[in-house]
Protein backbone atom coordinates (compact mmCIF):
# COMPACT_ATOMS: atom_id res chain seq x y z
CA UNK A 1 21.81 -36.04 20.03
CA UNK A 2 20.95 -39.75 20.08
CA UNK A 3 23.99 -40.34 22.36
CA UNK A 4 22.58 -37.99 24.97
CA UNK A 5 24.98 -35.13 24.21
CA UNK A 6 23.92 -31.56 24.61
CA UNK A 7 23.31 -29.43 21.53
CA UNK A 8 26.36 -27.32 22.39
CA UNK A 9 28.69 -30.35 22.57
CA UNK A 10 27.27 -32.03 19.45
CA UNK A 11 27.68 -28.86 17.39
CA UNK A 12 31.21 -28.37 18.67
CA UNK A 13 32.24 -31.92 17.70
CA UNK A 14 31.04 -31.54 14.09
CA UNK A 15 32.16 -27.93 13.75
CA UNK A 16 28.63 -26.57 13.26
CA UNK A 17 27.53 -23.16 14.55
CA UNK A 18 24.66 -23.47 16.99
CA UNK A 19 22.84 -20.67 15.18
CA UNK A 20 22.80 -22.86 12.04
CA UNK A 21 21.32 -25.90 13.77
CA UNK A 22 17.58 -26.38 13.32
CA UNK A 23 16.04 -29.73 14.29
CA UNK A 24 13.64 -31.10 11.67
CA UNK A 25 10.01 -30.95 12.65
CA UNK A 26 8.71 -34.50 12.17
CA UNK A 27 5.27 -35.03 10.71
CA UNK A 28 4.88 -31.43 9.55
CA UNK A 29 3.36 -30.90 6.13
CA UNK A 30 4.42 -27.60 4.60
CA UNK A 31 2.81 -28.17 1.21
CA UNK A 32 -0.44 -26.26 1.98
CA UNK A 33 1.57 -23.30 3.26
CA UNK A 34 3.89 -23.45 0.26
CA UNK A 35 0.95 -23.47 -2.16
CA UNK A 36 -0.80 -20.61 -0.34
CA UNK A 37 2.40 -18.55 -0.14
CA UNK A 38 3.25 -19.17 -3.79
CA UNK A 39 -0.25 -18.24 -4.95
CA UNK A 40 -0.33 -15.10 -2.77
CA UNK A 41 3.09 -13.92 -3.95
CA UNK A 42 1.94 -14.50 -7.55
CA UNK A 43 -1.05 -12.20 -7.05
CA UNK A 44 1.03 -9.61 -5.20
CA UNK A 45 4.59 -9.80 -6.61
CA UNK A 46 5.61 -6.55 -4.92
CA UNK A 47 4.81 -7.70 -1.37
CA UNK A 48 7.61 -8.53 1.04
CA UNK A 49 7.82 -11.26 3.68
CA UNK A 50 5.95 -9.57 6.52
CA UNK A 51 3.01 -8.49 4.41
CA UNK A 52 2.68 -12.00 2.96
CA UNK A 53 2.94 -13.57 6.43
CA UNK A 54 0.21 -11.40 7.94
CA UNK A 55 -2.04 -11.97 4.92
CA UNK A 56 -1.64 -15.76 5.33
CA UNK A 57 -2.63 -15.48 8.98
CA UNK A 58 -5.58 -13.26 8.06
CA UNK A 59 -6.64 -15.92 5.55
CA UNK A 60 -6.85 -18.47 8.37
CA UNK A 61 -3.44 -20.18 8.38
CA UNK A 62 -2.12 -20.66 11.92
CA UNK A 63 1.61 -20.28 11.35
CA UNK A 64 4.56 -18.65 13.09
CA UNK A 65 6.66 -16.06 11.32
CA UNK A 66 9.73 -18.30 11.62
CA UNK A 67 8.02 -21.12 9.75
CA UNK A 68 6.75 -18.70 7.10
CA UNK A 69 10.24 -17.27 6.72
CA UNK A 70 11.77 -20.72 6.20
CA UNK A 71 9.26 -21.55 3.47
CA UNK A 72 9.59 -18.05 2.00
CA UNK A 73 13.35 -18.49 1.66
CA UNK A 74 13.06 -22.05 0.37
CA UNK A 75 10.78 -20.83 -2.44
CA UNK A 76 13.29 -18.03 -3.19
CA UNK A 77 10.62 -15.33 -2.98
CA UNK A 78 12.97 -12.70 -1.58
CA UNK A 79 12.55 -9.31 -3.21
CA UNK A 80 15.68 -7.75 -4.74
CA UNK A 81 17.44 -5.47 -2.29
CA UNK A 82 16.95 -1.81 -3.03
CA UNK A 83 20.08 0.26 -3.40
CA UNK A 84 20.11 3.45 -1.38
CA UNK A 85 20.46 6.61 -3.40
CA UNK A 86 22.75 9.30 -2.10
CA UNK A 87 20.91 12.60 -1.92
CA UNK A 88 22.08 15.93 -0.56
CA UNK A 89 21.13 16.80 3.00
CA UNK A 90 17.77 18.57 3.29
CA UNK A 91 15.91 20.21 6.12
CA UNK A 92 13.28 17.76 7.37
CA UNK A 93 9.70 18.95 7.64
CA UNK A 94 7.77 16.44 9.79
CA UNK A 95 4.32 15.47 8.54
CA UNK A 96 1.92 15.14 11.45
CA UNK A 97 -0.57 12.28 11.69
CA UNK A 98 -4.15 13.55 12.18
CA UNK A 99 -5.77 12.34 15.40
CA UNK A 100 -9.27 11.36 14.15
CA UNK A 101 -10.68 10.45 10.76
CA UNK A 102 -11.82 13.28 8.48
CA UNK A 103 -9.20 15.62 9.89
CA UNK A 104 -7.24 15.75 6.63
CA UNK A 105 -7.74 14.17 3.21
CA UNK A 106 -5.00 13.98 0.58
CA UNK A 107 -5.67 14.17 -3.16
CA UNK A 108 -3.45 13.40 -6.11
CA UNK A 109 -3.54 12.18 -9.70
CA UNK A 110 -1.80 9.21 -11.27
CA UNK A 111 -1.88 8.17 -14.92
CA UNK A 112 -1.64 5.13 -17.19
CA UNK A 113 -2.54 4.07 -20.73
CA UNK A 114 -5.02 1.66 -22.26
CA UNK A 115 -3.89 -0.99 -24.73
CA UNK A 116 -5.07 1.27 -27.58
CA UNK A 117 -2.68 4.01 -26.46
CA UNK A 118 -5.20 6.38 -24.87
CA UNK A 119 -4.06 7.85 -21.55
CA UNK A 120 -6.40 7.93 -18.54
CA UNK A 121 -6.07 9.57 -15.13
CA UNK A 122 -7.14 8.18 -11.74
CA UNK A 123 -7.87 10.75 -9.01
CA UNK A 124 -7.13 9.21 -5.60
CA UNK A 125 -8.61 10.51 -2.34
CA UNK A 126 -7.06 9.23 0.92
CA UNK A 127 -7.78 9.82 4.59
CA UNK A 128 -4.42 10.60 6.22
CA UNK A 129 -5.43 9.19 9.62
CA UNK A 130 -6.07 5.54 8.81
CA UNK A 131 -4.94 5.55 5.13
CA UNK A 132 -8.43 4.57 4.02
CA UNK A 133 -8.94 4.94 0.29
CA UNK A 134 -12.12 7.03 0.13
CA UNK A 135 -12.49 7.09 -3.62
CA UNK A 136 -10.84 6.67 -7.01
CA UNK A 137 -12.29 8.54 -9.98
CA UNK A 138 -11.10 7.42 -13.42
CA UNK A 139 -11.54 9.15 -16.78
CA UNK A 140 -9.60 10.55 -19.69
CA UNK A 141 -10.05 14.09 -18.39
CA UNK A 142 -10.82 15.24 -14.84
CA UNK A 143 -11.19 19.03 -14.76
CA UNK A 144 -11.79 21.07 -11.61
CA UNK A 145 -15.59 20.81 -11.90
CA UNK A 146 -15.33 17.00 -11.95
CA UNK A 147 -13.01 17.07 -8.92
CA UNK A 148 -15.66 19.06 -7.02
CA UNK A 149 -18.33 16.51 -8.02
CA UNK A 150 -16.17 13.63 -6.77
CA UNK A 151 -15.49 15.35 -3.45
CA UNK A 152 -19.18 16.18 -3.01
CA UNK A 153 -20.08 12.52 -3.47
CA UNK A 154 -17.41 11.35 -1.03
CA UNK A 155 -18.49 13.92 1.58
CA UNK A 156 -22.04 12.56 1.39
CA UNK A 157 -20.71 9.10 2.25
CA UNK A 158 -17.96 9.85 4.77
CA UNK A 159 -18.69 13.30 6.14
CA UNK A 160 -16.83 16.57 5.66
CA UNK A 161 -13.06 16.79 6.30
CA UNK A 162 -11.44 19.68 8.14
CA UNK A 163 -8.70 20.03 5.54
CA UNK A 164 -7.73 18.98 2.02
CA UNK A 165 -4.06 18.61 1.06
CA UNK A 166 -3.14 18.84 -2.63
CA UNK A 167 -0.29 19.79 -4.94
CA UNK A 168 -0.36 22.80 -7.24
CA UNK A 169 -1.92 21.18 -10.31
CA UNK A 170 -4.38 23.27 -12.35
CA UNK A 171 -7.35 21.17 -11.17
CA UNK A 172 -6.50 21.92 -7.53
CA UNK A 173 -5.51 25.57 -8.05
CA UNK A 174 -8.78 26.49 -9.72
CA UNK A 175 -11.28 28.94 -8.30
CA UNK A 176 -14.03 26.27 -8.42
CA UNK A 177 -12.31 24.06 -5.86
CA UNK A 178 -11.43 27.04 -3.64
CA UNK A 179 -15.03 28.27 -3.69
CA UNK A 180 -16.39 24.80 -2.91
CA UNK A 181 -14.02 24.40 0.05
CA UNK A 182 -15.01 27.83 1.37
CA UNK A 183 -18.70 26.94 1.13
CA UNK A 184 -18.10 23.66 2.98
CA UNK A 185 -15.86 25.22 5.62
CA UNK A 186 -12.87 23.12 4.51
CA UNK A 187 -9.32 24.46 4.72
CA UNK A 188 -7.51 23.96 1.40
CA UNK A 189 -3.78 23.42 1.90
CA UNK A 190 -1.50 23.31 -1.14
CA UNK A 191 2.04 22.04 -0.67
CA UNK A 192 5.09 24.01 -1.77
CA UNK A 193 5.97 23.59 -5.45
CA UNK A 194 8.56 20.86 -5.94
CA UNK A 195 8.00 19.41 -2.44
CA UNK A 196 5.97 16.20 -3.00
CA UNK A 197 7.02 14.78 0.37
CA UNK A 198 4.81 17.41 2.01
CA UNK A 199 2.01 15.23 0.64
CA UNK A 200 3.77 12.01 1.62
CA UNK A 201 0.74 9.90 2.57
CA UNK A 202 -0.85 10.04 -0.88
CA UNK A 203 2.57 9.80 -2.57
CA UNK A 204 3.25 6.56 -0.67
CA UNK A 205 -0.18 5.27 -1.59
CA UNK A 206 0.41 6.11 -5.27
CA UNK A 207 3.46 3.85 -5.24
CA UNK A 208 1.44 0.88 -3.99
CA UNK A 209 -1.42 1.71 -6.37
CA UNK A 210 0.93 1.72 -9.35
CA UNK A 211 2.94 -1.35 -8.33
CA UNK A 212 0.02 -3.58 -7.33
CA UNK A 213 -2.61 -2.49 -9.86
CA UNK A 214 -1.57 -0.21 -12.73
CA UNK A 215 1.70 -1.97 -13.54
CA UNK A 216 0.20 -5.43 -12.98
CA UNK A 217 -2.52 -5.30 -15.65
CA UNK A 218 -3.15 -4.47 -19.28
CA UNK A 219 -6.33 -2.41 -19.55
CA UNK A 220 -8.65 -2.59 -22.53
CA UNK A 221 -11.73 -0.34 -22.17
CA UNK A 222 -12.11 2.20 -19.37
CA UNK A 223 -14.82 0.01 -17.82
CA UNK A 224 -12.18 -2.68 -17.30
CA UNK A 225 -10.02 -0.23 -15.37
CA UNK A 226 -12.93 0.81 -13.14
CA UNK A 227 -13.86 -2.80 -12.39
CA UNK A 228 -10.33 -3.76 -11.34
CA UNK A 229 -9.93 -0.56 -9.31
CA UNK A 230 -13.18 -1.23 -7.42
CA UNK A 231 -12.04 -4.76 -6.58
CA UNK A 232 -8.58 -3.58 -5.52
CA UNK A 233 -10.02 -0.73 -3.43
CA UNK A 234 -12.24 -3.14 -1.48
CA UNK A 235 -9.29 -5.44 -0.82
CA UNK A 236 -7.05 -2.49 0.13
CA UNK A 237 -9.48 -1.14 2.73
CA UNK A 238 -10.64 -4.44 4.25
CA UNK A 239 -8.02 -7.17 3.72
CA UNK A 240 -4.58 -5.82 2.76
CA UNK A 241 -2.24 -5.50 5.78
CA UNK A 242 -0.79 -1.98 6.04
CA UNK A 243 2.70 -1.71 7.48
CA UNK A 244 2.20 1.83 8.81
CA UNK A 245 -0.86 0.56 10.73
CA UNK A 246 1.09 -2.31 12.35
CA UNK A 247 -0.19 -4.69 9.65
CA UNK A 248 -3.84 -3.87 10.27
CA UNK A 249 -6.22 -2.79 7.52
CA UNK A 250 -7.43 0.82 7.22
CA UNK A 251 -10.94 -0.12 8.31
């Protein structure tokens, strides 16, 4: 280039593909970006490139995605490629996206164990429209009466939904929940047995909840679980970029 040759001619003379040529940006200090990217990937090891990039920008770093990608690759932060599983062809049942908030809430249970071996159950409640996490109730046992109490508390804060979507677990199939929904004027929709994808929004959330929180910590008392869940829930609703929302947050 110093001889005044074009990029095309210079690359041809040295046998270098033009797509592989990247001029070095002089005077650019990538160390702050490297440190921020390394720290962020350490806190969220399951996040991919785009989610990390948008979180860096949300944290105040003015950076292009190409520069982030170069640093991301240099730090070898690439996630292992997932192998596609071959499954038999199935009839697709599209899951509609509700137009406003409070049109449909999804409910589901997850589970984990404390360090002393006792198993606890989080009950997650999600708004299907904007994927906002409305509440997480955690205890060793959550019977139908407790589920009704949780929903009553959430309704007082967020208003009443038009519909609840659940699986066919005993807590959701009980007469107490059906009676409460009838009193509130809420339609209770239970998915077909063995068809978890009919409740795909909460199933997708459960994967993130397990990867980013449950699998990332060792829990001692139940109070420790609740504290970490409250912190994660605040971050999820207000700071964490959501790919299905074009990397915006639920709120």
